[in-house]
Protein backbone atom coordinates (compact mmCIF):
# COMPACT_ATOMS: atom_id res chain seq x y z
CA MET A 1 0.00 0.00 0.00
CA ALA A 2 1.51 3.28 -1.09
CA GLY A 3 1.50 6.04 1.49
CA LEU A 4 0.33 9.57 0.90
CA ALA A 5 2.83 12.24 -0.02
CA PHE A 6 3.27 15.02 2.54
CA GLU A 7 6.15 17.19 3.68
CA ARG A 8 6.29 16.55 7.43
CA PRO A 9 4.67 14.19 9.97
CA ASN A 10 0.95 14.84 10.18
CA PRO A 11 -1.20 12.60 12.43
CA ASP A 12 -4.35 13.68 10.60
CA VAL A 13 -2.98 12.43 7.28
CA ASP A 14 -1.44 9.35 8.90
CA VAL A 15 -4.83 8.23 10.22
CA LEU A 16 -6.46 9.05 6.90
CA ASP A 17 -3.84 6.98 5.09
CA GLY A 18 -4.33 4.03 7.45
CA VAL A 19 -8.13 3.98 7.43
CA ASN A 20 -8.49 4.71 3.72
CA GLY A 21 -5.86 2.06 3.05
CA LEU A 22 -8.44 -0.51 4.15
CA ALA A 23 -10.53 0.51 1.13
CA LYS A 24 -7.58 -0.09 -1.20
CA ASP A 25 -7.27 -3.69 -0.02
CA ALA A 26 -11.01 -4.45 0.29
CA PRO A 27 -13.08 -6.30 -2.33
CA HIS A 28 -15.17 -4.16 -4.67
CA TRP A 29 -18.47 -5.24 -3.11
CA VAL A 30 -17.28 -4.19 0.36
CA ASN A 31 -16.43 -0.72 -0.90
CA LYS A 32 -19.80 -0.44 -2.64
CA ALA A 33 -21.52 -1.38 0.61
CA MET A 34 -19.44 1.14 2.56
CA GLU A 35 -20.25 3.80 -0.03
CA TYR A 36 -23.99 3.27 0.45
CA ILE A 37 -23.79 2.95 4.22
CA GLY A 38 -21.59 6.00 4.65
CA GLU A 39 -23.55 8.23 2.30
CA TYR A 40 -27.17 7.20 3.01
CA GLY A 41 -27.51 4.04 5.10
CA ILE A 42 -26.56 5.29 8.56
CA ILE A 43 -28.66 8.42 8.19
CA ALA A 44 -31.62 6.25 7.17
CA GLY A 45 -30.92 4.00 10.16
CA LEU A 46 -31.01 7.00 12.49
CA GLY A 47 -34.36 7.98 11.00
CA VAL A 48 -35.76 4.53 11.75
CA LEU A 49 -34.29 4.70 15.27
CA CYS A 50 -36.03 8.04 15.86
CA LEU A 51 -39.35 6.54 14.75
CA ILE A 52 -38.93 3.56 17.09
CA ALA A 53 -38.03 5.90 19.96
CA TRP A 54 -41.09 8.06 19.22
CA TRP A 55 -43.36 5.00 19.18
CA SER A 56 -41.97 3.93 22.54
CA ALA A 57 -42.08 7.43 24.09
CA ARG A 58 -45.84 7.70 23.41
CA ARG A 59 -46.37 4.93 25.97
CA ARG A 60 -44.13 6.36 28.70
CA PRO A 61 -45.22 8.38 31.75
CA GLY A 62 -44.90 12.04 30.82
CA ALA A 63 -45.34 11.20 27.15
CA PRO A 64 -45.67 14.81 25.87
CA ALA A 65 -42.36 15.81 27.47
CA ALA A 66 -40.68 12.62 26.23
CA VAL A 67 -41.88 13.20 22.68
CA ALA A 68 -40.72 16.83 22.87
CA GLY A 69 -37.23 15.56 23.68
CA LEU A 70 -37.28 13.29 20.64
CA ILE A 71 -38.47 16.09 18.37
CA TRP A 72 -35.42 18.05 19.44
CA ALA A 73 -33.02 15.44 18.01
CA PRO A 74 -33.72 16.08 14.28
CA LEU A 75 -34.20 19.80 14.95
CA ALA A 76 -30.75 19.93 16.56
CA ALA A 77 -29.31 18.24 13.49
CA GLY A 78 -30.88 20.83 11.22
CA ILE A 79 -29.58 23.74 13.32
CA ALA A 80 -26.10 22.20 13.46
CA LEU A 81 -26.02 21.86 9.67
CA LEU A 82 -27.00 25.51 9.30
CA ALA A 83 -24.26 26.49 11.77
CA ASN A 84 -21.76 24.56 9.67
CA ILE A 85 -22.37 26.66 6.55
CA PRO A 86 -20.37 29.70 7.73
CA ILE A 87 -17.74 27.46 9.34
CA ARG A 88 -17.00 25.67 6.07
CA SER A 89 -16.92 28.95 4.17
CA PHE A 90 -14.53 30.49 6.69
CA VAL A 91 -12.09 27.56 6.96
CA GLU A 92 -12.20 26.63 3.25
CA ARG A 93 -10.38 23.34 3.70
CA PRO A 94 -10.15 21.34 0.45
CA ARG A 95 -11.21 17.72 0.34
CA PRO A 96 -8.30 15.41 1.19
CA PHE A 97 -8.16 13.82 -2.26
CA LYS A 98 -7.43 17.24 -3.77
CA ASP A 99 -4.22 17.69 -1.76
CA HIS A 100 -3.03 14.10 -1.38
CA ALA A 101 -2.48 11.70 -4.24
CA GLY A 102 -3.05 7.98 -3.79
CA LEU A 103 -6.35 7.99 -1.91
CA GLU A 104 -9.03 5.44 -2.72
CA VAL A 105 -11.97 7.83 -3.20
CA LEU A 106 -15.27 5.94 -3.14
CA ILE A 107 -17.40 8.98 -4.02
CA PRO A 108 -15.54 11.15 -6.51
CA GLY A 109 -16.70 14.54 -7.69
CA LYS A 110 -17.32 16.23 -4.34
CA SER A 111 -16.29 19.86 -4.78
CA ASP A 112 -17.42 21.51 -1.54
CA PHE A 113 -15.14 22.14 1.43
CA SER A 114 -14.14 19.43 3.87
CA PHE A 115 -14.20 20.98 7.37
CA VAL A 116 -16.41 20.16 9.12
CA SER A 117 -18.16 17.00 7.94
CA ASP A 118 -21.91 17.49 7.44
CA HIS A 119 -22.55 13.77 7.88
CA ALA A 120 -20.65 13.63 11.16
CA THR A 121 -22.39 16.79 12.39
CA LEU A 122 -25.87 15.55 11.52
CA THR A 123 -25.52 12.05 12.92
CA MET A 124 -23.91 13.10 16.20
CA ALA A 125 -26.50 15.84 16.77
CA VAL A 126 -29.26 13.25 16.35
CA GLY A 127 -27.44 10.74 18.55
CA VAL A 128 -26.88 13.20 21.40
CA GLY A 129 -30.41 14.57 21.03
CA LEU A 130 -31.76 11.03 21.39
CA PHE A 131 -29.49 10.43 24.39
CA ILE A 132 -30.96 13.45 26.17
CA ALA A 133 -34.45 12.03 25.69
CA HIS A 134 -33.77 8.29 26.06
CA ARG A 135 -30.45 6.78 27.15
CA LYS A 136 -30.77 3.42 25.36
CA PHE A 137 -31.80 4.81 22.00
CA GLY A 138 -29.29 7.63 22.42
CA LEU A 139 -26.37 5.24 22.91
CA LEU A 140 -27.38 3.39 19.75
CA GLY A 141 -27.58 6.72 17.93
CA ILE A 142 -24.12 7.78 19.12
CA LEU A 143 -22.66 4.44 18.01
CA LEU A 144 -24.18 4.97 14.57
CA ALA A 145 -22.66 8.46 14.48
CA LEU A 146 -19.23 7.06 15.31
CA ALA A 147 -19.66 4.50 12.52
CA GLU A 148 -20.56 7.34 10.16
CA GLY A 149 -17.36 9.15 11.04
CA PHE A 150 -15.31 6.05 10.29
CA CYS A 151 -17.08 5.63 6.95
CA ARG A 152 -16.32 9.21 5.87
CA VAL A 153 -12.58 8.67 6.41
CA TYR A 154 -12.69 5.18 4.89
CA MET A 155 -14.33 6.64 1.77
CA GLY A 156 -11.53 9.18 1.38
CA VAL A 157 -13.81 12.23 1.45
CA HIS A 158 -12.85 13.65 4.88
CA TYR A 159 -9.89 14.01 7.18
CA PRO A 160 -10.28 12.56 10.70
CA THR A 161 -10.30 16.12 12.10
CA ASP A 162 -13.21 16.97 9.80
CA VAL A 163 -15.15 14.19 11.48
CA ILE A 164 -14.06 15.18 15.00
CA GLY A 165 -15.07 18.77 14.29
CA GLY A 166 -18.47 17.56 13.11
CA PHE A 167 -18.93 15.47 16.25
CA ALA A 168 -18.05 18.50 18.41
CA LEU A 169 -20.42 20.82 16.54
CA GLY A 170 -23.33 18.37 16.62
CA THR A 171 -22.81 17.66 20.33
CA ALA A 172 -22.53 21.34 21.25
CA VAL A 173 -25.73 22.30 19.45
CA ALA A 174 -27.71 19.35 20.84
CA LEU A 175 -26.59 19.96 24.44
CA LEU A 176 -26.41 23.74 24.70
CA LEU A 177 -29.71 24.49 22.97
CA ALA A 178 -31.67 21.64 24.54
CA PRO A 179 -33.03 23.63 27.55
CA PRO A 180 -34.59 26.50 25.53
CA ALA A 181 -35.78 24.01 22.91
CA GLN A 182 -37.54 21.93 25.57
CA ALA A 183 -39.08 25.06 27.06
CA MET A 184 -40.75 25.71 23.71
CA LEU A 185 -41.48 22.14 22.63
CA VAL A 186 -43.05 20.76 25.82
CA PRO A 187 -45.96 23.25 25.84
CA LEU A 188 -46.48 22.48 22.16
CA THR A 189 -46.62 18.70 22.64
CA THR A 190 -48.79 19.15 25.74
CA ALA A 191 -51.27 21.19 23.71
CA ILE A 192 -51.24 18.53 21.00
CA SER A 193 -51.96 15.85 23.61
CA ARG A 194 -55.26 17.64 24.36
CA SER A 195 -56.27 17.90 20.71
CA LYS A 196 -57.53 15.54 18.03
CA LEU A 197 -53.89 14.84 17.17
CA ALA A 198 -53.18 13.48 20.65
CA TRP A 199 -52.08 10.12 19.18
CA LEU A 200 -48.93 11.86 17.92
CA VAL A 201 -47.64 12.40 21.45
CA CYS A 202 -49.62 9.97 23.59
CA ALA A 203 -50.58 6.39 22.73
CA PRO A 204 -54.36 5.74 22.65
CA GLY A 205 -55.47 4.62 26.10
CA ALA A 206 -52.35 5.90 27.85
CA GLY A 207 -54.04 9.12 29.00
CA ALA A 208 -52.53 12.42 30.06
CA ASP A 209 -53.25 14.57 33.10
CA VAL A 210 -53.90 18.30 33.08
CA ASP A 211 -50.17 19.01 33.24
CA GLY A 212 -49.50 17.03 30.07
CA GLN A 213 -48.03 14.09 31.99
CA ALA A 214 -49.09 10.65 30.80
CA GLY A 215 -50.73 8.25 33.23
CA GLN A 216 -48.84 5.21 34.46
CA ASP A 217 -51.25 2.93 32.61
CA GLY A 218 -54.41 3.00 30.56
CA GLU A 219 -56.43 4.13 33.58
CA GLY A 220 -54.34 7.27 34.15
CA GLY A 221 -56.88 9.69 32.71
CA ARG A 222 -59.76 8.19 34.71
CA VAL A 223 -57.70 8.25 37.92
CA VAL A 224 -57.08 11.98 37.55
CA ALA A 225 -60.71 12.64 36.67
CA THR A 226 -61.93 10.54 39.60
CA GLY A 227 -59.62 12.35 42.01
CA SER A 228 -60.88 15.74 40.81
CA ALA A 229 -64.50 14.64 41.19
CA MET A 230 -63.84 13.40 44.73
CA ARG A 231 -62.26 16.72 45.71
CA ARG A 232 -65.26 18.61 44.34
CA GLY A 233 -67.62 16.27 46.20
CA ASN A 234 -65.76 16.79 49.48
CA LYS A 235 -65.97 20.58 49.09
CA GLU A 236 -69.71 20.43 48.45
CA ARG A 237 -70.20 18.14 51.47
CA ASP A 238 -68.29 20.56 53.73
CA LYS A 239 -70.49 23.44 52.55
CA ASP A 240 -73.65 21.45 53.38
CA LEU A 241 -72.35 20.62 56.85
CA ALA A 242 -71.45 24.24 57.48
CA ALA A 243 -74.96 25.30 56.52
């Protein structure tokens, strides 16, 4: 395997050379699979994971708040991608295959700048957003994001530091903006839970109390209603006794 030509030791290029070198030695079908997975497959997998998490969250106590947390994951990804536009324009780092001969480039023709990786930014923002809402699904999402970062270097379209920068940007947006996002999203999902679209945030039969918190089981709504009726009955009884 021929190494990349560069003037002085550069760990970023060394790692790129080592990881991309795997593509040079791999069978054609493996590279085709990695091309699909790295460009579309992992993002599609994160979309499916978000849908599964949403379906599960509708059945949890506090369903409106849980669903609001899941809505934040794709929103965080979108905001992070927008934040990356000025970063890429400011840094203007060329793709690695433009500066280093000998790379096995699985997706040729990319002409935009390299730092930071959009794919790494998007997937990590979704993964961290999911982790905030649900630890198990979030860990799976973060693992998928890490796999995406590996794929981008393997495909020869990004330096390792492009990927690390994308991970940092996606994580920062998902974590730092989560509190104000939740402050806006929870009232929205709570209002939806009281409308005809309640099934979007609360599974049929799960119920939700007046604060938008789902009941522990299918009787949750009736328990709250019964408790309110009992309190009203006690007040009326006390008035009769006082009279």
